[in-house]
Amino acid sequence: MGMKQRLGIALCLLSSPDCLVLDEPINGLDAEGIMEIRQLLLKLNEEKQITILISSHILSELQLLATRFVFIKNGVIVDDLRKEDLDEKSKKQIRLKVNNTAKTAQLLEQAYPDIQYKVLPNHSITIQNHIEEGGEINRLLTTNGVLVMEFRFEALNLEEYFLGLVEDKEK
């Protein structure tokens, strides 16, 4: 399958196109093959100025390649944005892993009445606002007997953005 993918791309390039349309170009490739195809596509775009339209369900790979994202659901475009806009829209959040999610939720709600958070499996909680107060949140929890096993800042990736977008449109 991987060789067929490579051969298909090679055949497309014989006519020196201005634009390539690829459907799942890394399907069937191993990790090394995926990296080679990614590097090839980036090189074709940068050096040969070839526009490349990729349809794929592997959003993490698209995040490494694409400069523009068009999200389609049931044949309808639900969002169309540049990579810079996606980076700006990708909300930052705090992810905690604690020994007691119920107590953590109670403390957060008491200290921050407008707190936006989600309790996740494996004793994890994400906090969507009050990001700039991360240090105070950590201190609040630890001084009140909550064991904080993990505390990190993160941004939503392309897959999480897409799922949030699709869920919003379904409501």
N, C-alpha and C. Protein backbone atom coordinates (compact mmCIF):
# COMPACT_ATOMS: atom_id res chain seq x y z
N MET A 1 0.82 -1.20 0.00
CA MET A 1 0.00 0.00 0.00
C MET A 1 0.86 1.26 0.00
N GLY A 2 1.92 1.26 0.81
CA GLY A 2 2.80 2.42 0.87
C GLY A 2 3.44 2.72 -0.47
N MET A 3 3.87 1.67 -1.18
CA MET A 3 4.48 1.87 -2.50
C MET A 3 3.47 2.42 -3.50
N LYS A 4 2.22 1.98 -3.39
CA LYS A 4 1.18 2.51 -4.28
C LYS A 4 0.96 4.00 -4.02
N GLN A 5 1.01 4.41 -2.76
CA GLN A 5 0.86 5.82 -2.43
C GLN A 5 2.00 6.64 -3.04
N ARG A 6 3.22 6.15 -2.88
CA ARG A 6 4.38 6.86 -3.43
C ARG A 6 4.31 6.93 -4.95
N LEU A 7 3.95 5.82 -5.57
CA LEU A 7 3.84 5.77 -7.03
C LEU A 7 2.76 6.72 -7.53
N GLY A 8 1.65 6.79 -6.83
CA GLY A 8 0.56 7.70 -7.22
C GLY A 8 1.01 9.15 -7.20
N ILE A 9 1.73 9.53 -6.15
CA ILE A 9 2.23 10.90 -6.05
C ILE A 9 3.26 11.17 -7.15
N ALA A 10 4.14 10.19 -7.39
CA ALA A 10 5.16 10.35 -8.45
C ALA A 10 4.50 10.53 -9.81
N LEU A 11 3.46 9.75 -10.10
CA LEU A 11 2.77 9.88 -11.39
C LEU A 11 2.13 11.26 -11.53
N CYS A 12 1.57 11.77 -10.46
CA CYS A 12 0.96 13.10 -10.49
C CYS A 12 1.99 14.18 -10.81
N LEU A 13 3.21 13.99 -10.34
CA LEU A 13 4.24 15.02 -10.49
C LEU A 13 4.86 15.04 -11.89
N LEU A 14 4.64 13.98 -12.67
CA LEU A 14 5.23 13.92 -14.02
C LEU A 14 4.81 15.07 -14.91
N SER A 15 3.59 15.55 -14.72
CA SER A 15 3.09 16.62 -15.60
C SER A 15 3.37 18.02 -15.05
N SER A 16 4.20 18.12 -14.01
CA SER A 16 4.54 19.40 -13.38
C SER A 16 3.29 20.25 -13.07
N PRO A 17 2.42 19.73 -12.22
CA PRO A 17 1.16 20.44 -11.95
C PRO A 17 1.35 21.69 -11.08
N ASP A 18 0.38 22.59 -11.17
CA ASP A 18 0.33 23.75 -10.28
C ASP A 18 -0.38 23.39 -8.98
N CYS A 19 -1.19 22.33 -9.05
CA CYS A 19 -2.00 21.94 -7.91
C CYS A 19 -2.09 20.42 -7.82
N LEU A 20 -1.98 19.90 -6.61
CA LEU A 20 -2.17 18.47 -6.36
C LEU A 20 -3.36 18.31 -5.44
N VAL A 21 -4.21 17.33 -5.73
CA VAL A 21 -5.32 16.98 -4.85
C VAL A 21 -5.06 15.56 -4.37
N LEU A 22 -4.86 15.43 -3.07
CA LEU A 22 -4.49 14.13 -2.50
C LEU A 22 -5.53 13.70 -1.46
N ASP A 23 -5.95 12.46 -1.57
CA ASP A 23 -6.90 11.89 -0.62
C ASP A 23 -6.18 10.86 0.23
N GLU A 24 -6.04 11.14 1.52
CA GLU A 24 -5.37 10.25 2.47
C GLU A 24 -3.98 9.82 1.94
N PRO A 25 -3.08 10.77 1.67
CA PRO A 25 -1.79 10.43 1.05
C PRO A 25 -0.86 9.59 1.93
N ILE A 26 -1.09 9.53 3.23
CA ILE A 26 -0.20 8.74 4.08
C ILE A 26 -0.82 7.41 4.49
N ASN A 27 -1.96 7.09 3.92
CA ASN A 27 -2.62 5.83 4.23
C ASN A 27 -1.72 4.65 3.85
N GLY A 28 -1.49 3.76 4.79
CA GLY A 28 -0.70 2.56 4.52
C GLY A 28 0.80 2.74 4.67
N LEU A 29 1.23 3.92 5.08
CA LEU A 29 2.67 4.18 5.23
C LEU A 29 3.11 3.95 6.67
N ASP A 30 4.36 3.52 6.82
CA ASP A 30 4.94 3.40 8.16
C ASP A 30 5.42 4.79 8.59
N ALA A 31 5.91 4.89 9.83
CA ALA A 31 6.33 6.19 10.38
C ALA A 31 7.37 6.88 9.50
N GLU A 32 8.33 6.11 9.00
CA GLU A 32 9.37 6.68 8.14
C GLU A 32 8.77 7.18 6.83
N GLY A 33 7.86 6.41 6.26
CA GLY A 33 7.21 6.80 5.01
C GLY A 33 6.37 8.06 5.18
N ILE A 34 5.69 8.16 6.31
CA ILE A 34 4.88 9.35 6.59
C ILE A 34 5.77 10.59 6.64
N MET A 35 6.90 10.47 7.32
CA MET A 35 7.82 11.59 7.41
C MET A 35 8.37 11.97 6.03
N GLU A 36 8.69 10.97 5.20
CA GLU A 36 9.21 11.24 3.86
C GLU A 36 8.17 11.97 3.01
N ILE A 37 6.91 11.52 3.07
CA ILE A 37 5.85 12.15 2.28
C ILE A 37 5.63 13.58 2.78
N ARG A 38 5.63 13.77 4.09
CA ARG A 38 5.46 15.12 4.66
C ARG A 38 6.55 16.05 4.14
N GLN A 39 7.80 15.59 4.20
CA GLN A 39 8.92 16.41 3.74
C GLN A 39 8.81 16.70 2.24
N LEU A 40 8.40 15.70 1.48
CA LEU A 40 8.23 15.88 0.04
C LEU A 40 7.16 16.93 -0.25
N LEU A 41 6.02 16.83 0.41
CA LEU A 41 4.93 17.77 0.16
C LEU A 41 5.33 19.19 0.56
N LEU A 42 6.01 19.34 1.68
CA LEU A 42 6.47 20.66 2.10
C LEU A 42 7.46 21.24 1.08
N LYS A 43 8.36 20.38 0.58
CA LYS A 43 9.35 20.82 -0.40
C LYS A 43 8.68 21.23 -1.72
N LEU A 44 7.70 20.43 -2.15
CA LEU A 44 6.99 20.77 -3.40
C LEU A 44 6.27 22.11 -3.27
N ASN A 45 5.68 22.34 -2.12
CA ASN A 45 4.96 23.59 -1.90
C ASN A 45 5.92 24.77 -1.84
N GLU A 46 6.99 24.62 -1.10
CA GLU A 46 7.92 25.74 -0.92
C GLU A 46 8.77 26.01 -2.15
N GLU A 47 9.34 24.97 -2.74
CA GLU A 47 10.29 25.17 -3.84
C GLU A 47 9.63 25.25 -5.20
N LYS A 48 8.60 24.45 -5.44
CA LYS A 48 7.94 24.43 -6.75
C LYS A 48 6.65 25.24 -6.77
N GLN A 49 6.28 25.82 -5.60
CA GLN A 49 5.06 26.63 -5.48
C GLN A 49 3.81 25.86 -5.91
N ILE A 50 3.78 24.56 -5.60
CA ILE A 50 2.62 23.73 -5.93
C ILE A 50 1.62 23.83 -4.78
N THR A 51 0.38 24.16 -5.13
CA THR A 51 -0.68 24.17 -4.14
C THR A 51 -1.13 22.73 -3.92
N ILE A 52 -1.26 22.33 -2.66
CA ILE A 52 -1.61 20.94 -2.35
C ILE A 52 -2.87 20.93 -1.49
N LEU A 53 -3.90 20.27 -2.00
CA LEU A 53 -5.16 20.10 -1.26
C LEU A 53 -5.18 18.66 -0.75
N ILE A 54 -5.25 18.51 0.57
CA ILE A 54 -5.22 17.18 1.18
C ILE A 54 -6.51 16.92 1.92
N SER A 55 -7.12 15.79 1.63
CA SER A 55 -8.28 15.33 2.38
C SER A 55 -7.78 14.20 3.28
N SER A 56 -7.99 14.35 4.58
CA SER A 56 -7.48 13.33 5.49
C SER A 56 -8.24 13.34 6.80
N HIS A 57 -8.28 12.18 7.44
CA HIS A 57 -8.85 12.07 8.77
C HIS A 57 -7.75 12.10 9.83
N ILE A 58 -6.51 12.12 9.42
CA ILE A 58 -5.39 12.14 10.36
C ILE A 58 -5.03 13.60 10.62
N LEU A 59 -5.78 14.21 11.53
CA LEU A 59 -5.68 15.65 11.76
C LEU A 59 -4.34 16.05 12.35
N SER A 60 -3.74 15.19 13.15
CA SER A 60 -2.44 15.54 13.74
C SER A 60 -1.38 15.71 12.64
N GLU A 61 -1.48 14.94 11.60
CA GLU A 61 -0.53 15.06 10.48
C GLU A 61 -0.81 16.34 9.69
N LEU A 62 -2.08 16.65 9.50
CA LEU A 62 -2.42 17.88 8.77
C LEU A 62 -1.92 19.11 9.51
N GLN A 63 -1.93 19.05 10.83
CA GLN A 63 -1.47 20.19 11.62
C GLN A 63 0.00 20.48 11.36
N LEU A 64 0.77 19.46 10.98
CA LEU A 64 2.18 19.64 10.68
C LEU A 64 2.41 20.18 9.27
N LEU A 65 1.42 20.03 8.39
CA LEU A 65 1.59 20.37 6.99
C LEU A 65 0.84 21.61 6.52
N ALA A 66 -0.39 21.73 6.92
CA ALA A 66 -1.30 22.68 6.29
C ALA A 66 -1.08 24.12 6.73
N THR A 67 -1.42 25.03 5.82
CA THR A 67 -1.42 26.46 6.14
C THR A 67 -2.84 27.00 6.17
N ARG A 68 -3.79 26.18 5.73
CA ARG A 68 -5.20 26.57 5.74
C ARG A 68 -6.03 25.31 5.98
N PHE A 69 -7.10 25.47 6.75
CA PHE A 69 -7.94 24.34 7.10
C PHE A 69 -9.39 24.63 6.72
N VAL A 70 -10.01 23.68 6.03
CA VAL A 70 -11.43 23.77 5.71
C VAL A 70 -12.07 22.54 6.33
N PHE A 71 -13.03 22.77 7.22
CA PHE A 71 -13.71 21.67 7.90
C PHE A 71 -15.08 21.47 7.26
N ILE A 72 -15.34 20.23 6.86
CA ILE A 72 -16.58 19.90 6.17
C ILE A 72 -17.31 18.84 6.96
N LYS A 73 -18.62 19.06 7.16
CA LYS A 73 -19.46 18.07 7.84
C LYS A 73 -20.73 17.91 7.02
N ASN A 74 -21.01 16.69 6.64
CA ASN A 74 -22.20 16.38 5.83
C ASN A 74 -22.26 17.24 4.56
N GLY A 75 -21.12 17.44 3.93
CA GLY A 75 -21.05 18.19 2.69
C GLY A 75 -21.14 19.70 2.82
N VAL A 76 -21.12 20.20 4.05
CA VAL A 76 -21.23 21.64 4.29
C VAL A 76 -19.96 22.13 4.98
N ILE A 77 -19.42 23.24 4.51
CA ILE A 77 -18.24 23.83 5.15
C ILE A 77 -18.69 24.45 6.48
N VAL A 78 -18.09 23.97 7.57
CA VAL A 78 -18.43 24.51 8.90
C VAL A 78 -17.39 25.50 9.40
N ASP A 79 -16.20 25.50 8.82
CA ASP A 79 -15.19 26.50 9.15
C ASP A 79 -14.09 26.48 8.10
N ASP A 80 -13.50 27.63 7.87
CA ASP A 80 -12.43 27.81 6.90
C ASP A 80 -11.49 28.85 7.49
N LEU A 81 -10.28 28.43 7.87
CA LEU A 81 -9.38 29.37 8.52
C LEU A 81 -7.92 29.07 8.22
N ARG A 82 -7.10 30.11 8.34
CA ARG A 82 -5.66 29.97 8.16
C ARG A 82 -5.06 29.37 9.42
N LYS A 83 -3.84 28.83 9.29
CA LYS A 83 -3.16 28.23 10.44
C LYS A 83 -3.00 29.23 11.58
N GLU A 84 -2.68 30.48 11.24
CA GLU A 84 -2.51 31.51 12.26
C GLU A 84 -3.81 31.73 13.03
N ASP A 85 -4.94 31.73 12.31
CA ASP A 85 -6.24 31.90 12.96
C ASP A 85 -6.58 30.70 13.84
N LEU A 86 -6.22 29.52 13.37
CA LEU A 86 -6.45 28.31 14.17
C LEU A 86 -5.65 28.38 15.46
N ASP A 87 -4.38 28.79 15.35
CA ASP A 87 -3.54 28.91 16.54
C ASP A 87 -4.14 29.89 17.54
N GLU A 88 -4.69 30.98 17.01
CA GLU A 88 -5.30 31.99 17.88
C GLU A 88 -6.58 31.46 18.52
N LYS A 89 -7.36 30.69 17.75
CA LYS A 89 -8.63 30.15 18.26
C LYS A 89 -8.42 28.97 19.21
N SER A 90 -7.31 28.30 19.09
CA SER A 90 -7.04 27.15 19.95
C SER A 90 -6.85 27.64 21.37
N LYS A 91 -7.85 27.45 22.15
CA LYS A 91 -7.84 27.94 23.52
C LYS A 91 -6.75 27.28 24.34
N LYS A 92 -6.15 28.05 25.18
CA LYS A 92 -5.20 27.49 26.13
C LYS A 92 -6.00 27.03 27.35
N GLN A 93 -5.49 26.03 28.02
CA GLN A 93 -6.16 25.54 29.21
C GLN A 93 -5.14 24.96 30.18
N ILE A 94 -5.59 24.76 31.41
CA ILE A 94 -4.76 24.12 32.42
C ILE A 94 -5.27 22.69 32.57
N ARG A 95 -4.35 21.74 32.58
CA ARG A 95 -4.72 20.34 32.82
C ARG A 95 -4.09 19.91 34.14
N LEU A 96 -4.94 19.41 35.03
CA LEU A 96 -4.51 18.95 36.35
C LEU A 96 -4.78 17.47 36.50
N LYS A 97 -3.92 16.81 37.21
CA LYS A 97 -4.20 15.45 37.65
C LYS A 97 -4.08 15.50 39.17
N VAL A 98 -5.18 15.19 39.85
CA VAL A 98 -5.25 15.34 41.31
C VAL A 98 -5.74 14.05 41.95
N ASN A 99 -5.56 13.96 43.25
CA ASN A 99 -6.01 12.76 43.96
C ASN A 99 -7.49 12.80 44.30
N ASN A 100 -8.11 13.99 44.27
CA ASN A 100 -9.51 14.12 44.66
C ASN A 100 -10.19 15.15 43.78
N THR A 101 -10.87 14.69 42.72
CA THR A 101 -11.49 15.63 41.78
C THR A 101 -12.69 16.34 42.40
N ALA A 102 -13.43 15.67 43.27
CA ALA A 102 -14.60 16.30 43.89
C ALA A 102 -14.18 17.48 44.77
N LYS A 103 -13.18 17.28 45.59
CA LYS A 103 -12.69 18.36 46.46
C LYS A 103 -12.09 19.48 45.62
N THR A 104 -11.38 19.11 44.56
CA THR A 104 -10.78 20.12 43.67
C THR A 104 -11.87 20.97 43.04
N ALA A 105 -12.91 20.33 42.53
CA ALA A 105 -14.02 21.07 41.92
C ALA A 105 -14.67 22.02 42.92
N GLN A 106 -14.88 21.54 44.14
CA GLN A 106 -15.48 22.37 45.18
C GLN A 106 -14.60 23.58 45.50
N LEU A 107 -13.31 23.38 45.65
CA LEU A 107 -12.39 24.48 45.93
C LEU A 107 -12.36 25.50 44.79
N LEU A 108 -12.32 25.01 43.56
CA LEU A 108 -12.30 25.90 42.40
C LEU A 108 -13.57 26.75 42.34
N GLU A 109 -14.72 26.11 42.56
CA GLU A 109 -15.98 26.84 42.49
C GLU A 109 -16.10 27.89 43.59
N GLN A 110 -15.57 27.58 44.78
CA GLN A 110 -15.62 28.54 45.87
C GLN A 110 -14.71 29.74 45.60
N ALA A 111 -13.53 29.47 45.09
CA ALA A 111 -12.55 30.55 44.87
C ALA A 111 -12.84 31.35 43.60
N TYR A 112 -13.40 30.70 42.59
CA TYR A 112 -13.64 31.34 41.29
C TYR A 112 -15.06 31.00 40.84
N PRO A 113 -16.05 31.83 41.21
CA PRO A 113 -17.45 31.53 40.89
C PRO A 113 -17.73 31.36 39.39
N ASP A 114 -16.92 32.00 38.53
CA ASP A 114 -17.14 31.89 37.09
C ASP A 114 -16.23 30.86 36.42
N ILE A 115 -15.65 29.97 37.21
CA ILE A 115 -14.68 28.99 36.68
C ILE A 115 -15.35 28.09 35.64
N GLN A 116 -14.61 27.81 34.57
CA GLN A 116 -15.07 26.88 33.53
C GLN A 116 -14.10 25.71 33.54
N TYR A 117 -14.60 24.54 33.90
CA TYR A 117 -13.74 23.37 34.00
C TYR A 117 -14.50 22.12 33.59
N LYS A 118 -13.74 21.06 33.34
CA LYS A 118 -14.31 19.75 33.02
C LYS A 118 -13.59 18.71 33.85
N VAL A 119 -14.35 17.83 34.45
CA VAL A 119 -13.76 16.70 35.16
C VAL A 119 -13.66 15.56 34.16
N LEU A 120 -12.47 15.01 34.01
CA LEU A 120 -12.19 13.96 33.05
C LEU A 120 -11.87 12.66 33.79
N PRO A 121 -11.81 11.54 33.07
CA PRO A 121 -11.40 10.28 33.71
C PRO A 121 -9.97 10.36 34.23
N ASN A 122 -9.58 9.40 35.02
CA ASN A 122 -8.21 9.28 35.56
C ASN A 122 -7.81 10.45 36.45
N HIS A 123 -8.77 10.99 37.20
CA HIS A 123 -8.49 12.06 38.17
C HIS A 123 -7.96 13.32 37.51
N SER A 124 -8.40 13.61 36.30
CA SER A 124 -7.93 14.79 35.58
C SER A 124 -9.03 15.84 35.50
N ILE A 125 -8.60 17.08 35.47
CA ILE A 125 -9.51 18.23 35.33
C ILE A 125 -8.85 19.20 34.35
N THR A 126 -9.66 19.76 33.45
CA THR A 126 -9.15 20.85 32.61
C THR A 126 -9.88 22.13 33.01
N ILE A 127 -9.13 23.21 33.03
CA ILE A 127 -9.68 24.53 33.38
C ILE A 127 -9.51 25.42 32.16
N GLN A 128 -10.62 25.99 31.68
CA GLN A 128 -10.59 26.77 30.45
C GLN A 128 -10.39 28.27 30.66
N ASN A 129 -10.65 28.78 31.86
CA ASN A 129 -10.42 30.20 32.11
C ASN A 129 -9.55 30.35 33.36
N HIS A 130 -9.22 31.57 33.72
CA HIS A 130 -8.31 31.85 34.83
C HIS A 130 -6.93 31.22 34.60
N ILE A 131 -6.53 31.11 33.34
CA ILE A 131 -5.24 30.51 32.98
C ILE A 131 -4.09 31.29 33.61
N GLU A 132 -4.21 32.62 33.59
CA GLU A 132 -3.14 33.46 34.12
C GLU A 132 -2.97 33.33 35.63
N GLU A 133 -3.91 32.68 36.28
CA GLU A 133 -3.85 32.50 37.74
C GLU A 133 -3.45 31.07 38.11
N GLY A 134 -2.72 30.42 37.23
CA GLY A 134 -2.33 29.03 37.45
C GLY A 134 -1.59 28.80 38.75
N GLY A 135 -0.66 29.69 39.07
CA GLY A 135 0.10 29.55 40.31
C GLY A 135 -0.79 29.61 41.54
N GLU A 136 -1.73 30.55 41.53
CA GLU A 136 -2.66 30.68 42.66
C GLU A 136 -3.57 29.46 42.76
N ILE A 137 -3.99 28.93 41.62
CA ILE A 137 -4.83 27.73 41.63
C ILE A 137 -4.07 26.56 42.23
N ASN A 138 -2.83 26.40 41.82
CA ASN A 138 -2.00 25.31 42.36
C ASN A 138 -1.83 25.47 43.88
N ARG A 139 -1.55 26.69 44.33
CA ARG A 139 -1.39 26.94 45.77
C ARG A 139 -2.70 26.67 46.52
N LEU A 140 -3.83 27.11 45.96
CA LEU A 140 -5.13 26.88 46.59
C LEU A 140 -5.35 25.38 46.84
N LEU A 141 -5.06 24.58 45.83
CA LEU A 141 -5.28 23.15 45.95
C LEU A 141 -4.33 22.50 46.95
N THR A 142 -3.06 22.83 46.85
CA THR A 142 -2.08 22.17 47.73
C THR A 142 -2.25 22.58 49.19
N THR A 143 -2.57 23.86 49.44
CA THR A 143 -2.76 24.28 50.83
C THR A 143 -4.03 23.72 51.45
N ASN A 144 -4.93 23.24 50.61
CA ASN A 144 -6.17 22.65 51.12
C ASN A 144 -6.15 21.12 51.04
N GLY A 145 -4.97 20.55 50.94
CA GLY A 145 -4.82 19.11 51.04
C GLY A 145 -5.05 18.30 49.78
N VAL A 146 -5.12 18.96 48.64
CA VAL A 146 -5.26 18.23 47.38
C VAL A 146 -3.85 17.94 46.85
N LEU A 147 -3.60 16.68 46.55
CA LEU A 147 -2.32 16.30 45.97
C LEU A 147 -2.38 16.53 44.46
N VAL A 148 -1.57 17.47 43.98
CA VAL A 148 -1.51 17.78 42.54
C VAL A 148 -0.37 16.97 41.94
N MET A 149 -0.74 15.94 41.18
CA MET A 149 0.27 15.04 40.59
C MET A 149 0.76 15.54 39.24
N GLU A 150 -0.06 16.36 38.59
CA GLU A 150 0.33 16.92 37.29
C GLU A 150 -0.33 18.27 37.14
N PHE A 151 0.40 19.24 36.61
CA PHE A 151 -0.11 20.58 36.38
C PHE A 151 0.58 21.09 35.13
N ARG A 152 -0.19 21.32 34.08
CA ARG A 152 0.44 21.82 32.86
C ARG A 152 -0.51 22.71 32.08
N PHE A 153 0.09 23.58 31.30
CA PHE A 153 -0.65 24.44 30.40
C PHE A 153 -0.61 23.79 29.03
N GLU A 154 -1.74 23.80 28.33
CA GLU A 154 -1.77 23.21 27.00
C GLU A 154 -2.76 23.96 26.13
N ALA A 155 -2.61 23.80 24.83
CA ALA A 155 -3.54 24.37 23.87
C ALA A 155 -4.24 23.23 23.15
N LEU A 156 -5.44 23.49 22.70
CA LEU A 156 -6.16 22.47 21.96
C LEU A 156 -5.43 22.15 20.67
N ASN A 157 -5.40 20.90 20.29
CA ASN A 157 -4.81 20.55 19.00
C ASN A 157 -5.91 20.58 17.93
N LEU A 158 -5.53 20.33 16.71
CA LEU A 158 -6.46 20.41 15.59
C LEU A 158 -7.64 19.46 15.76
N GLU A 159 -7.37 18.26 16.24
CA GLU A 159 -8.44 17.27 16.44
C GLU A 159 -9.46 17.77 17.47
N GLU A 160 -8.97 18.31 18.58
CA GLU A 160 -9.88 18.81 19.61
C GLU A 160 -10.67 20.02 19.10
N TYR A 161 -10.02 20.88 18.32
CA TYR A 161 -10.73 22.03 17.74
C TYR A 161 -11.83 21.54 16.82
N PHE A 162 -11.53 20.59 15.96
CA PHE A 162 -12.51 20.04 15.02
C PHE A 162 -13.68 19.41 15.76
N LEU A 163 -13.39 18.60 16.77
CA LEU A 163 -14.47 17.95 17.51
C LEU A 163 -15.34 18.98 18.23
N GLY A 164 -14.73 20.01 18.79
CA GLY A 164 -15.52 21.08 19.41
C GLY A 164 -16.37 21.81 18.40
N LEU A 165 -15.84 22.02 17.23
CA LEU A 165 -16.56 22.70 16.15
C LEU A 165 -17.75 21.88 15.70
N VAL A 166 -17.55 20.60 15.49
CA VAL A 166 -18.60 19.71 15.03
C VAL A 166 -19.68 19.56 16.11
N GLU A 167 -19.27 19.43 17.37
CA GLU A 167 -20.24 19.31 18.47
C GLU A 167 -21.08 20.57 18.57
N ASP A 168 -20.47 21.75 18.42
CA ASP A 168 -21.22 22.99 18.48
C ASP A 168 -22.26 23.07 17.37
N LYS A 169 -21.90 22.61 16.18
CA LYS A 169 -22.82 22.67 15.04
C LYS A 169 -23.98 21.67 15.17
N GLU A 170 -23.77 20.60 15.95
CA GLU A 170 -24.81 19.59 16.12
C GLU A 170 -25.89 20.05 17.09
N LYS A 171 -25.57 20.98 17.97
CA LYS A 171 -26.52 21.44 18.99
C LYS A 171 -27.57 22.34 18.42
